[in-house]
Amino acid sequence: EVHLVESGGGLVQAGGSLRLSCAASGFTFGDYAMGWFRQAPLKEREGVAAIHNSGASTYYLDSVKGRFTISSDNAQNTVYLQMNNLKPEDTGVYYCVAVSRPMKTLIKLTDRAWFFAPWGQGTQVTVSS
């Protein structure tokens, strides 16, 4: 079964950086699209970034473009989210999500399929001003 473990969250000042990791197991890594979603207090989860593990296609939430980078390391079966120039509005619990995409196509961050797919336990990111 799909198993996802997020790590790397923490407390950082505005303008700082964090790198989140999602260690994946229990599935064929290259057949999946993976994404990072976040949930701030009193808000619904929103898609931050997505990648298909078979290629370089990526999608980003407009507000994080130029600041965040999602990447996939097939040797480690791990997906990363490098977050630079963090802002207080980036605060939230960040979740890793895996969607089976054997046809190697990446779905958009707004696709409902993400919410029916396996999620990790989340890692807290707090950005202070």
Protein backbone atom coordinates (compact mmCIF):
# COMPACT_ATOMS: atom_id res chain seq x y z
CA GLU A 1 0.00 0.00 0.00
CA VAL A 2 1.01 3.59 -0.51
CA HIS A 3 2.94 5.00 2.43
CA LEU A 4 4.08 8.62 2.58
CA VAL A 5 6.11 10.28 5.31
CA GLU A 6 6.64 14.03 5.30
CA SER A 7 9.46 15.78 7.12
CA GLY A 8 11.39 19.03 7.10
CA GLY A 9 8.85 21.46 8.48
CA GLY A 10 9.65 23.91 11.20
CA LEU A 11 9.67 27.51 12.30
CA VAL A 12 11.38 30.06 10.08
CA GLN A 13 11.46 33.82 9.73
CA ALA A 14 9.95 35.53 6.72
CA GLY A 15 12.44 35.44 3.89
CA GLY A 16 13.95 32.19 5.07
CA SER A 17 13.97 28.76 3.49
CA LEU A 18 12.89 25.21 4.25
CA ARG A 19 13.08 21.97 2.33
CA LEU A 20 10.28 19.48 2.82
CA SER A 21 10.76 15.81 2.05
CA CYS A 22 8.22 13.11 1.27
CA ALA A 23 9.57 9.59 1.54
CA ALA A 24 7.45 7.21 -0.50
CA SER A 25 7.07 3.44 -0.40
CA GLY A 26 4.63 0.70 -1.31
CA PHE A 27 4.08 1.59 -4.96
CA THR A 28 5.81 1.97 -8.29
CA PHE A 29 7.25 5.44 -7.93
CA GLY A 30 7.40 6.23 -11.65
CA ASP A 31 3.69 5.50 -12.17
CA TYR A 32 2.55 8.24 -9.81
CA ALA A 33 2.00 11.94 -9.80
CA MET A 34 2.84 13.52 -6.48
CA GLY A 35 1.89 16.82 -4.99
CA TRP A 36 2.31 19.07 -2.03
CA PHE A 37 -0.84 20.50 -0.50
CA ARG A 38 -1.18 22.77 2.48
CA GLN A 39 -3.87 23.67 4.95
CA ALA A 40 -3.86 26.86 6.97
CA PRO A 41 -6.05 27.29 10.04
CA LEU A 42 -9.72 27.65 9.13
CA LYS A 43 -8.97 27.14 5.45
CA GLU A 44 -9.42 24.27 3.05
CA ARG A 45 -6.41 22.45 1.67
CA GLU A 46 -4.90 23.99 -1.43
CA GLY A 47 -2.51 22.57 -3.95
CA VAL A 48 0.97 24.06 -3.81
CA ALA A 49 2.97 22.07 -6.35
CA ALA A 50 2.76 18.84 -8.31
CA ILE A 51 5.08 16.67 -10.34
CA HIS A 52 4.86 13.41 -12.24
CA ASN A 53 7.65 11.11 -11.13
CA SER A 54 8.19 9.86 -14.67
CA GLY A 55 9.15 13.26 -16.05
CA ALA A 56 9.84 16.92 -15.49
CA SER A 57 6.31 18.29 -15.78
CA THR A 58 5.36 20.50 -12.87
CA TYR A 59 2.51 22.71 -11.73
CA TYR A 60 2.63 25.45 -9.11
CA LEU A 61 0.18 27.56 -7.21
CA ASP A 62 0.51 31.08 -8.60
CA SER A 63 1.46 32.58 -5.24
CA VAL A 64 4.50 30.31 -4.87
CA LYS A 65 5.89 30.50 -8.40
CA GLY A 66 9.48 31.62 -8.37
CA ARG A 67 9.82 30.80 -4.68
CA PHE A 68 9.06 27.06 -4.41
CA THR A 69 10.50 24.20 -6.41
CA ILE A 70 9.17 20.64 -6.44
CA SER A 71 11.50 17.84 -7.45
CA SER A 72 11.52 14.06 -7.58
CA ASP A 73 14.49 11.85 -6.70
CA ASN A 74 13.84 8.42 -8.16
CA ALA A 75 16.92 6.88 -6.54
CA GLN A 76 15.57 7.78 -3.12
CA ASN A 77 11.84 7.46 -3.89
CA THR A 78 11.49 10.90 -2.39
CA VAL A 79 9.76 14.10 -3.46
CA TYR A 80 11.02 17.43 -2.21
CA LEU A 81 9.61 20.89 -1.92
CA GLN A 82 12.27 23.57 -1.71
CA MET A 83 10.69 26.69 -0.27
CA ASN A 84 12.57 29.98 -0.50
CA ASN A 85 11.64 33.51 0.48
CA LEU A 86 8.95 32.21 2.77
CA LYS A 87 6.09 34.48 3.74
CA PRO A 88 3.77 34.36 6.77
CA GLU A 89 0.91 33.37 4.47
CA ASP A 90 2.81 30.17 3.65
CA THR A 91 2.14 28.95 7.18
CA GLY A 92 0.20 25.72 7.40
CA VAL A 93 0.40 21.96 7.54
CA TYR A 94 1.97 20.60 4.37
CA TYR A 95 0.87 17.22 3.05
CA CYS A 96 2.33 14.94 0.44
CA VAL A 97 -0.17 13.24 -1.88
CA ALA A 98 0.29 10.42 -4.39
CA VAL A 99 -2.06 9.80 -7.34
CA SER A 100 -1.73 6.78 -9.59
CA ARG A 101 -1.05 8.01 -13.12
CA PRO A 102 0.15 5.01 -15.13
CA MET A 103 -0.39 6.89 -18.40
CA LYS A 104 2.31 9.33 -17.22
CA THR A 105 0.13 12.42 -17.33
CA LEU A 106 0.20 15.08 -14.63
CA ILE A 107 -3.11 16.36 -13.33
CA LYS A 108 -3.63 19.95 -12.31
CA LEU A 109 -3.57 21.03 -8.70
CA THR A 110 -7.31 21.72 -8.81
CA ASP A 111 -8.21 18.19 -9.89
CA ARG A 112 -10.43 16.52 -7.32
CA ALA A 113 -8.53 13.25 -7.71
CA TRP A 114 -5.88 14.54 -5.31
CA PHE A 115 -8.37 14.53 -2.44
CA PHE A 116 -9.29 10.88 -2.90
CA ALA A 117 -5.70 9.73 -3.05
CA PRO A 118 -3.43 8.62 -0.19
CA TRP A 119 -2.03 11.44 1.92
CA GLY A 120 0.85 11.60 4.35
CA GLN A 121 0.56 12.69 7.96
CA GLY A 122 1.66 16.25 7.29
CA THR A 123 4.46 18.48 8.51
CA GLN A 124 3.96 21.87 10.10
CA VAL A 125 5.47 24.96 8.50
CA THR A 126 5.33 28.18 10.48
CA VAL A 127 6.66 31.44 9.05
CA SER A 128 7.01 34.34 11.45
CA SER A 129 7.07 38.00 10.50
